[in-house]
Amino acid sequence: MNFLTGGPKTVQKLDSITYQLIVQSYPEGVHVFALENENEKKDAGHGQRIYLVTTYTELWFYYQKYRKSLMHCYEIIPEGSVCHLYFDLEFIKQANSECDGKQIVSKLIQYVCQKLEEIYKVNCSVKDVLNLDSSTHQKFSRHLIFHLPNAAFKNNMHV
């Protein structure tokens, strides 16, 4: 997959060192996204990340063209940025055969919504949660993002 041909030219593909240097200084409207480098994953036996610096519009252009390759792409939240409450839930299915991932997610959402109401007086329901499924045959993986009405956290440390 080569993101630098056949589309907008402001997309930059970065290695992890370059990413560390620019992540805190990129211009407004431009975002950093991470995805696993499929070629290195096959060669090394584990995932290596590559980083894309682009706008949402340009990412959407590439997502439509390379949907399968970008399925596990996610945005990096810069340190100190306002953000939503989020969870990254994962477990190896074979090692946790007794676990019902869907039930765990449901109970977690219910519990978190209850605590948000009790502690912060913020109303929350399952309708406020973006529930992204990145599971494979081997691994259960869900990403939950709580889009709370009129509420966000100062930064990811406050989450």
N, C-alpha and C. Protein backbone atom coordinates (compact mmCIF):
# COMPACT_ATOMS: atom_id res chain seq x y z
N MET A 1 0.84 -1.17 0.00
CA MET A 1 0.00 0.00 0.00
C MET A 1 0.89 1.23 0.00
N ASN A 2 0.69 2.09 -0.94
CA ASN A 2 1.46 3.33 -1.01
C ASN A 2 0.49 4.50 -0.98
N PHE A 3 0.42 5.19 0.14
CA PHE A 3 -0.51 6.29 0.30
C PHE A 3 -0.06 7.55 -0.41
N LEU A 4 1.13 7.54 -0.95
CA LEU A 4 1.66 8.77 -1.51
C LEU A 4 1.45 8.88 -3.01
N THR A 5 0.70 7.95 -3.62
CA THR A 5 0.43 8.03 -5.04
C THR A 5 -1.06 8.03 -5.28
N GLY A 6 -1.50 8.73 -6.29
CA GLY A 6 -2.88 8.70 -6.71
C GLY A 6 -3.85 9.46 -5.84
N GLY A 7 -3.40 10.44 -5.08
CA GLY A 7 -4.32 11.18 -4.23
C GLY A 7 -3.71 12.47 -3.74
N PRO A 8 -4.34 13.06 -2.71
CA PRO A 8 -3.83 14.31 -2.16
C PRO A 8 -2.36 14.18 -1.76
N LYS A 9 -1.62 15.26 -1.93
CA LYS A 9 -0.17 15.19 -1.74
C LYS A 9 0.29 15.66 -0.36
N THR A 10 -0.62 16.07 0.53
CA THR A 10 -0.17 16.56 1.82
C THR A 10 -0.05 15.45 2.87
N VAL A 11 -0.37 14.22 2.48
CA VAL A 11 -0.21 13.10 3.40
C VAL A 11 1.28 12.80 3.53
N GLN A 12 1.74 12.64 4.77
CA GLN A 12 3.13 12.28 5.00
C GLN A 12 3.15 10.95 5.75
N LYS A 13 3.97 10.02 5.30
CA LYS A 13 4.15 8.75 5.99
C LYS A 13 5.40 8.90 6.86
N LEU A 14 5.27 8.62 8.15
CA LEU A 14 6.36 8.85 9.09
C LEU A 14 6.79 7.56 9.77
N ASP A 15 8.06 7.50 10.14
CA ASP A 15 8.50 6.41 11.01
C ASP A 15 8.34 6.89 12.45
N SER A 16 8.55 6.02 13.42
CA SER A 16 8.29 6.38 14.81
C SER A 16 9.19 7.49 15.34
N ILE A 17 10.42 7.58 14.87
CA ILE A 17 11.33 8.64 15.33
C ILE A 17 10.85 10.00 14.83
N THR A 18 10.52 10.08 13.56
CA THR A 18 10.02 11.33 13.00
C THR A 18 8.71 11.72 13.68
N TYR A 19 7.86 10.73 13.94
CA TYR A 19 6.60 11.00 14.61
C TYR A 19 6.84 11.67 15.95
N GLN A 20 7.76 11.15 16.75
CA GLN A 20 8.06 11.73 18.05
C GLN A 20 8.49 13.19 17.94
N LEU A 21 9.19 13.53 16.87
CA LEU A 21 9.67 14.89 16.70
C LEU A 21 8.58 15.88 16.33
N ILE A 22 7.55 15.45 15.59
CA ILE A 22 6.58 16.43 15.11
C ILE A 22 5.22 16.36 15.78
N VAL A 23 4.93 15.32 16.56
CA VAL A 23 3.57 15.12 17.06
C VAL A 23 3.04 16.33 17.84
N GLN A 24 3.89 17.05 18.53
CA GLN A 24 3.42 18.18 19.32
C GLN A 24 3.42 19.50 18.55
N SER A 25 3.88 19.47 17.30
CA SER A 25 4.00 20.74 16.59
C SER A 25 3.29 20.79 15.25
N TYR A 26 2.43 19.85 14.94
CA TYR A 26 1.78 19.89 13.64
C TYR A 26 0.68 20.96 13.63
N PRO A 27 0.38 21.51 12.46
CA PRO A 27 -0.56 22.64 12.37
C PRO A 27 -2.00 22.24 12.66
N GLU A 28 -2.81 23.22 13.03
CA GLU A 28 -4.22 22.98 13.31
C GLU A 28 -4.92 22.44 12.06
N GLY A 29 -5.81 21.49 12.26
CA GLY A 29 -6.52 20.89 11.13
C GLY A 29 -5.83 19.66 10.58
N VAL A 30 -4.59 19.42 11.02
CA VAL A 30 -3.83 18.25 10.59
C VAL A 30 -3.74 17.31 11.79
N HIS A 31 -3.89 16.03 11.53
CA HIS A 31 -3.94 15.04 12.59
C HIS A 31 -2.95 13.90 12.30
N VAL A 32 -2.55 13.20 13.36
CA VAL A 32 -1.64 12.07 13.22
C VAL A 32 -2.43 10.79 13.44
N PHE A 33 -2.27 9.84 12.52
CA PHE A 33 -2.95 8.56 12.59
C PHE A 33 -1.90 7.45 12.59
N ALA A 34 -2.15 6.41 13.33
CA ALA A 34 -1.23 5.26 13.39
C ALA A 34 -1.91 4.04 12.78
N LEU A 35 -1.12 3.22 12.10
CA LEU A 35 -1.60 1.95 11.61
C LEU A 35 -0.44 0.98 11.56
N GLU A 36 -0.77 -0.30 11.57
CA GLU A 36 0.28 -1.31 11.53
C GLU A 36 0.81 -1.43 10.12
N ASN A 37 2.11 -1.54 10.01
CA ASN A 37 2.76 -1.73 8.72
C ASN A 37 2.66 -3.22 8.40
N GLU A 38 1.80 -3.55 7.45
CA GLU A 38 1.53 -4.96 7.13
C GLU A 38 2.78 -5.72 6.70
N ASN A 39 3.67 -5.09 5.93
CA ASN A 39 4.88 -5.77 5.45
C ASN A 39 5.80 -6.11 6.61
N GLU A 40 6.03 -5.17 7.53
CA GLU A 40 6.90 -5.44 8.67
C GLU A 40 6.27 -6.44 9.61
N LYS A 41 4.94 -6.43 9.73
CA LYS A 41 4.25 -7.37 10.60
C LYS A 41 4.50 -8.80 10.14
N LYS A 42 4.43 -9.03 8.84
CA LYS A 42 4.65 -10.37 8.31
C LYS A 42 6.10 -10.80 8.48
N ASP A 43 7.02 -9.87 8.23
CA ASP A 43 8.44 -10.21 8.31
C ASP A 43 8.92 -10.41 9.74
N ALA A 44 8.50 -9.54 10.66
CA ALA A 44 9.03 -9.58 12.01
C ALA A 44 8.18 -10.43 12.96
N GLY A 45 6.96 -10.77 12.54
CA GLY A 45 6.11 -11.57 13.40
C GLY A 45 5.32 -10.75 14.40
N HIS A 46 5.49 -9.43 14.40
CA HIS A 46 4.71 -8.57 15.28
C HIS A 46 4.49 -7.22 14.59
N GLY A 47 3.52 -6.50 15.08
CA GLY A 47 3.13 -5.25 14.43
C GLY A 47 4.11 -4.11 14.65
N GLN A 48 4.42 -3.42 13.59
CA GLN A 48 5.20 -2.19 13.64
C GLN A 48 4.27 -1.08 13.15
N ARG A 49 4.30 0.04 13.78
CA ARG A 49 3.39 1.11 13.40
C ARG A 49 4.05 2.09 12.44
N ILE A 50 3.23 2.58 11.53
CA ILE A 50 3.63 3.72 10.72
C ILE A 50 2.62 4.82 11.03
N TYR A 51 3.01 6.05 10.78
CA TYR A 51 2.18 7.19 11.14
C TYR A 51 1.89 8.02 9.91
N LEU A 52 0.65 8.47 9.81
CA LEU A 52 0.24 9.35 8.73
C LEU A 52 -0.13 10.69 9.33
N VAL A 53 0.33 11.76 8.71
CA VAL A 53 -0.03 13.11 9.11
C VAL A 53 -0.87 13.67 7.98
N THR A 54 -2.15 13.95 8.28
CA THR A 54 -3.06 14.38 7.23
C THR A 54 -4.31 15.01 7.84
N THR A 55 -5.22 15.45 6.98
CA THR A 55 -6.50 15.99 7.43
C THR A 55 -7.54 14.87 7.42
N TYR A 56 -8.67 15.12 8.06
CA TYR A 56 -9.74 14.12 8.04
C TYR A 56 -10.23 13.89 6.61
N THR A 57 -10.32 14.95 5.82
CA THR A 57 -10.79 14.83 4.44
C THR A 57 -9.87 13.93 3.63
N GLU A 58 -8.58 14.14 3.76
CA GLU A 58 -7.63 13.33 2.99
C GLU A 58 -7.57 11.89 3.50
N LEU A 59 -7.69 11.70 4.82
CA LEU A 59 -7.74 10.34 5.35
C LEU A 59 -8.96 9.61 4.77
N TRP A 60 -10.09 10.31 4.71
CA TRP A 60 -11.30 9.69 4.15
C TRP A 60 -11.08 9.30 2.70
N PHE A 61 -10.37 10.14 1.92
CA PHE A 61 -10.05 9.82 0.53
C PHE A 61 -9.32 8.47 0.47
N TYR A 62 -8.32 8.30 1.31
CA TYR A 62 -7.54 7.06 1.31
C TYR A 62 -8.31 5.89 1.91
N TYR A 63 -9.14 6.19 2.91
CA TYR A 63 -9.93 5.12 3.53
C TYR A 63 -10.86 4.49 2.49
N GLN A 64 -11.47 5.28 1.65
CA GLN A 64 -12.35 4.76 0.63
C GLN A 64 -11.59 3.89 -0.37
N LYS A 65 -10.36 4.25 -0.64
CA LYS A 65 -9.55 3.52 -1.62
C LYS A 65 -8.88 2.28 -1.01
N TYR A 66 -8.45 2.38 0.24
CA TYR A 66 -7.69 1.31 0.91
C TYR A 66 -8.40 0.87 2.19
N ARG A 67 -9.69 0.66 2.14
CA ARG A 67 -10.51 0.36 3.32
C ARG A 67 -9.94 -0.78 4.16
N LYS A 68 -9.56 -1.88 3.52
CA LYS A 68 -9.06 -3.04 4.27
C LYS A 68 -7.75 -2.70 5.00
N SER A 69 -6.85 -1.99 4.35
CA SER A 69 -5.57 -1.66 4.96
C SER A 69 -5.71 -0.63 6.08
N LEU A 70 -6.72 0.22 6.00
CA LEU A 70 -6.90 1.27 7.01
C LEU A 70 -7.94 0.90 8.07
N MET A 71 -8.40 -0.34 8.05
CA MET A 71 -9.43 -0.75 8.99
C MET A 71 -8.97 -0.59 10.44
N HIS A 72 -7.69 -0.77 10.69
CA HIS A 72 -7.16 -0.66 12.05
C HIS A 72 -6.33 0.61 12.23
N CYS A 73 -6.75 1.65 11.56
CA CYS A 73 -6.10 2.96 11.68
C CYS A 73 -6.78 3.73 12.81
N TYR A 74 -5.99 4.42 13.60
CA TYR A 74 -6.59 5.21 14.67
C TYR A 74 -5.84 6.52 14.84
N GLU A 75 -6.56 7.49 15.35
CA GLU A 75 -5.97 8.82 15.53
C GLU A 75 -5.20 8.86 16.85
N ILE A 76 -4.04 9.50 16.81
CA ILE A 76 -3.24 9.72 18.00
C ILE A 76 -3.74 11.00 18.66
N ILE A 77 -4.05 10.92 19.94
CA ILE A 77 -4.49 12.11 20.68
C ILE A 77 -3.25 12.78 21.26
N PRO A 78 -2.95 13.99 20.80
CA PRO A 78 -1.75 14.67 21.32
C PRO A 78 -1.86 14.94 22.82
N GLU A 79 -0.74 14.84 23.49
CA GLU A 79 -0.69 15.09 24.92
C GLU A 79 -1.23 16.48 25.21
N GLY A 80 -2.08 16.57 26.22
CA GLY A 80 -2.64 17.86 26.62
C GLY A 80 -3.91 18.26 25.88
N SER A 81 -4.38 17.45 24.95
CA SER A 81 -5.58 17.78 24.19
C SER A 81 -6.85 17.37 24.94
N VAL A 82 -7.89 18.18 24.77
CA VAL A 82 -9.21 17.82 25.28
C VAL A 82 -9.62 16.52 24.60
N CYS A 83 -10.23 15.60 25.36
CA CYS A 83 -10.61 14.33 24.75
C CYS A 83 -11.84 13.74 25.42
N HIS A 84 -12.39 12.75 24.76
CA HIS A 84 -13.52 11.99 25.28
C HIS A 84 -12.99 10.84 26.13
N LEU A 85 -13.85 10.32 26.99
CA LEU A 85 -13.54 9.13 27.74
C LEU A 85 -13.45 7.96 26.76
N TYR A 86 -12.43 7.15 26.89
CA TYR A 86 -12.26 6.04 25.95
C TYR A 86 -11.65 4.82 26.65
N PHE A 87 -11.93 3.67 26.08
CA PHE A 87 -11.38 2.40 26.58
C PHE A 87 -10.91 1.58 25.39
N ASP A 88 -9.81 0.89 25.57
CA ASP A 88 -9.30 -0.06 24.59
C ASP A 88 -9.31 -1.42 25.29
N LEU A 89 -10.23 -2.28 24.89
CA LEU A 89 -10.42 -3.57 25.55
C LEU A 89 -9.92 -4.69 24.66
N GLU A 90 -9.06 -5.56 25.21
CA GLU A 90 -8.51 -6.66 24.42
C GLU A 90 -8.28 -7.88 25.29
N PHE A 91 -8.47 -9.06 24.71
CA PHE A 91 -8.02 -10.30 25.33
C PHE A 91 -7.88 -11.37 24.25
N ILE A 92 -7.00 -12.32 24.52
CA ILE A 92 -6.79 -13.45 23.62
C ILE A 92 -7.93 -14.44 23.86
N LYS A 93 -8.66 -14.77 22.83
CA LYS A 93 -9.86 -15.61 22.97
C LYS A 93 -9.53 -17.00 23.50
N GLN A 94 -8.48 -17.62 22.98
CA GLN A 94 -8.14 -18.98 23.40
C GLN A 94 -7.79 -19.04 24.88
N ALA A 95 -7.08 -18.05 25.38
CA ALA A 95 -6.67 -18.03 26.78
C ALA A 95 -7.80 -17.60 27.71
N ASN A 96 -8.87 -17.06 27.15
CA ASN A 96 -10.00 -16.56 27.95
C ASN A 96 -11.32 -17.09 27.39
N SER A 97 -11.38 -18.37 27.12
CA SER A 97 -12.55 -18.96 26.46
C SER A 97 -13.83 -18.79 27.27
N GLU A 98 -13.70 -18.60 28.59
CA GLU A 98 -14.88 -18.43 29.43
C GLU A 98 -15.45 -17.00 29.36
N CYS A 99 -14.74 -16.08 28.74
CA CYS A 99 -15.17 -14.69 28.68
C CYS A 99 -16.13 -14.44 27.53
N ASP A 100 -17.19 -13.73 27.82
CA ASP A 100 -18.15 -13.29 26.81
C ASP A 100 -17.90 -11.81 26.58
N GLY A 101 -17.15 -11.49 25.53
CA GLY A 101 -16.74 -10.12 25.26
C GLY A 101 -17.90 -9.15 25.15
N LYS A 102 -18.95 -9.55 24.46
CA LYS A 102 -20.12 -8.67 24.31
C LYS A 102 -20.74 -8.35 25.65
N GLN A 103 -20.83 -9.33 26.52
CA GLN A 103 -21.40 -9.11 27.85
C GLN A 103 -20.49 -8.21 28.69
N ILE A 104 -19.19 -8.41 28.59
CA ILE A 104 -18.23 -7.57 29.32
C ILE A 104 -18.38 -6.12 28.89
N VAL A 105 -18.46 -5.89 27.58
CA VAL A 105 -18.62 -4.53 27.05
C VAL A 105 -19.91 -3.91 27.55
N SER A 106 -20.99 -4.66 27.48
CA SER A 106 -22.28 -4.16 27.93
C SER A 106 -22.26 -3.76 29.41
N LYS A 107 -21.68 -4.63 30.24
CA LYS A 107 -21.61 -4.34 31.67
C LYS A 107 -20.69 -3.14 31.96
N LEU A 108 -19.59 -3.04 31.22
CA LEU A 108 -18.68 -1.90 31.42
C LEU A 108 -19.37 -0.59 31.07
N ILE A 109 -20.06 -0.55 29.94
CA ILE A 109 -20.76 0.67 29.54
C ILE A 109 -21.80 1.05 30.60
N GLN A 110 -22.55 0.07 31.05
CA GLN A 110 -23.56 0.32 32.08
C GLN A 110 -22.91 0.87 33.36
N TYR A 111 -21.82 0.26 33.78
CA TYR A 111 -21.13 0.68 35.01
C TYR A 111 -20.56 2.10 34.86
N VAL A 112 -19.91 2.37 33.74
CA VAL A 112 -19.30 3.68 33.53
C VAL A 112 -20.39 4.77 33.49
N CYS A 113 -21.48 4.50 32.79
CA CYS A 113 -22.58 5.48 32.73
C CYS A 113 -23.14 5.75 34.13
N GLN A 114 -23.27 4.70 34.93
CA GLN A 114 -23.76 4.86 36.30
C GLN A 114 -22.81 5.75 37.11
N LYS A 115 -21.50 5.50 37.01
CA LYS A 115 -20.51 6.28 37.77
C LYS A 115 -20.41 7.73 37.26
N LEU A 116 -20.55 7.93 35.96
CA LEU A 116 -20.54 9.30 35.43
C LEU A 116 -21.71 10.10 36.00
N GLU A 117 -22.85 9.46 36.13
CA GLU A 117 -24.03 10.11 36.72
C GLU A 117 -23.79 10.40 38.20
N GLU A 118 -23.29 9.40 38.93
CA GLU A 118 -23.07 9.55 40.37
C GLU A 118 -22.02 10.60 40.69
N ILE A 119 -20.90 10.56 39.99
CA ILE A 119 -19.76 11.41 40.34
C ILE A 119 -19.84 12.79 39.69
N TYR A 120 -20.19 12.84 38.39
CA TYR A 120 -20.14 14.10 37.65
C TYR A 120 -21.51 14.66 37.28
N LYS A 121 -22.58 13.93 37.61
CA LYS A 121 -23.94 14.34 37.24
C LYS A 121 -24.09 14.49 35.73
N VAL A 122 -23.42 13.60 34.98
CA VAL A 122 -23.49 13.59 33.52
C VAL A 122 -24.35 12.40 33.09
N ASN A 123 -25.41 12.69 32.34
CA ASN A 123 -26.26 11.62 31.83
C ASN A 123 -25.54 10.89 30.71
N CYS A 124 -25.66 9.58 30.71
CA CYS A 124 -24.96 8.75 29.73
C CYS A 124 -25.77 7.50 29.48
N SER A 125 -25.78 7.05 28.24
CA SER A 125 -26.42 5.78 27.90
C SER A 125 -25.60 5.11 26.80
N VAL A 126 -25.97 3.91 26.44
CA VAL A 126 -25.27 3.17 25.39
C VAL A 126 -25.31 3.95 24.08
N LYS A 127 -26.30 4.79 23.89
CA LYS A 127 -26.41 5.61 22.66
C LYS A 127 -25.29 6.64 22.56
N ASP A 128 -24.65 6.95 23.68
CA ASP A 128 -23.56 7.93 23.70
C ASP A 128 -22.19 7.30 23.48
N VAL A 129 -22.15 5.99 23.25
CA VAL A 129 -20.88 5.27 23.15
C VAL A 129 -20.66 4.78 21.73
N LEU A 130 -19.54 5.21 21.14
CA LEU A 130 -19.11 4.67 19.85
C LEU A 130 -18.38 3.37 20.17
N ASN A 131 -18.90 2.26 19.68
CA ASN A 131 -18.40 0.93 20.02
C ASN A 131 -17.79 0.33 18.75
N LEU A 132 -16.46 0.38 18.66
CA LEU A 132 -15.75 -0.08 17.47
C LEU A 132 -15.17 -1.47 17.71
N ASP A 133 -15.51 -2.38 16.82
CA ASP A 133 -15.08 -3.78 16.95
C ASP A 133 -13.89 -4.03 16.03
N SER A 134 -12.74 -4.34 16.61
CA SER A 134 -11.54 -4.68 15.84
C SER A 134 -11.11 -6.11 16.11
N SER A 135 -12.05 -6.94 16.49
CA SER A 135 -11.74 -8.32 16.85
C SER A 135 -11.30 -9.14 15.64
N THR A 136 -10.49 -10.14 15.93
CA THR A 136 -10.08 -11.12 14.93
C THR A 136 -10.48 -12.49 15.46
N HIS A 137 -10.13 -13.55 14.73
CA HIS A 137 -10.43 -14.90 15.22
C HIS A 137 -9.65 -15.20 16.50
N GLN A 138 -8.47 -14.61 16.65
CA GLN A 138 -7.62 -14.89 17.81
C GLN A 138 -7.84 -13.93 18.98
N LYS A 139 -8.21 -12.67 18.69
CA LYS A 139 -8.23 -11.65 19.72
C LYS A 139 -9.56 -10.91 19.75
N PHE A 140 -10.10 -10.72 20.95
CA PHE A 140 -11.25 -9.85 21.14
C PHE A 140 -10.70 -8.44 21.29
N SER A 141 -11.24 -7.49 20.55
CA SER A 141 -10.75 -6.11 20.62
C SER A 141 -11.89 -5.14 20.37
N ARG A 142 -12.15 -4.31 21.35
CA ARG A 142 -13.16 -3.26 21.22
C ARG A 142 -12.57 -1.94 21.67
N HIS A 143 -13.00 -0.90 21.00
CA HIS A 143 -12.61 0.46 21.34
C HIS A 143 -13.89 1.22 21.63
N LEU A 144 -14.03 1.71 22.84
CA LEU A 144 -15.23 2.42 23.26
C LEU A 144 -14.89 3.90 23.44
N ILE A 145 -15.66 4.75 22.81
CA ILE A 145 -15.48 6.20 22.94
C ILE A 145 -16.80 6.77 23.43
N PHE A 146 -16.78 7.39 24.60
CA PHE A 146 -17.97 7.97 25.20
C PHE A 146 -18.10 9.43 24.75
N HIS A 147 -19.05 9.68 23.86
CA HIS A 147 -19.34 11.04 23.40
C HIS A 147 -20.45 11.59 24.30
N LEU A 148 -20.04 12.18 25.40
CA LEU A 148 -20.97 12.64 26.41
C LEU A 148 -21.55 14.00 26.05
N PRO A 149 -22.86 14.18 26.25
CA PRO A 149 -23.47 15.47 25.93
C PRO A 149 -22.87 16.60 26.77
N ASN A 150 -22.33 17.58 26.11
CA ASN A 150 -21.77 18.78 26.77
C ASN A 150 -20.69 18.47 27.80
N ALA A 151 -19.91 17.41 27.56
CA ALA A 151 -18.86 17.05 28.51
C ALA A 151 -17.67 16.43 27.79
N ALA A 152 -16.49 16.78 28.26
CA ALA A 152 -15.24 16.18 27.78
C ALA A 152 -14.23 16.30 28.91
N PHE A 153 -13.09 15.64 28.74
CA PHE A 153 -12.04 15.71 29.75
C PHE A 153 -10.96 16.67 29.30
N LYS A 154 -10.34 17.33 30.26
CA LYS A 154 -9.31 18.33 29.99
C LYS A 154 -8.20 17.75 29.12
N ASN A 155 -7.79 16.53 29.43
CA ASN A 155 -6.78 15.83 28.64
C ASN A 155 -6.84 14.34 29.00
N ASN A 156 -6.02 13.53 28.36
CA ASN A 156 -6.11 12.09 28.61
C ASN A 156 -5.63 11.69 29.99
N MET A 157 -4.89 12.53 30.68
CA MET A 157 -4.51 12.23 32.06
C MET A 157 -5.71 12.35 32.99
N HIS A 158 -6.63 13.26 32.69
CA HIS A 158 -7.83 13.42 33.50
C HIS A 158 -8.85 12.32 33.25
N VAL A 159 -8.73 11.65 32.11
CA VAL A 159 -9.63 10.54 31.84
C VAL A 159 -9.40 9.48 32.89
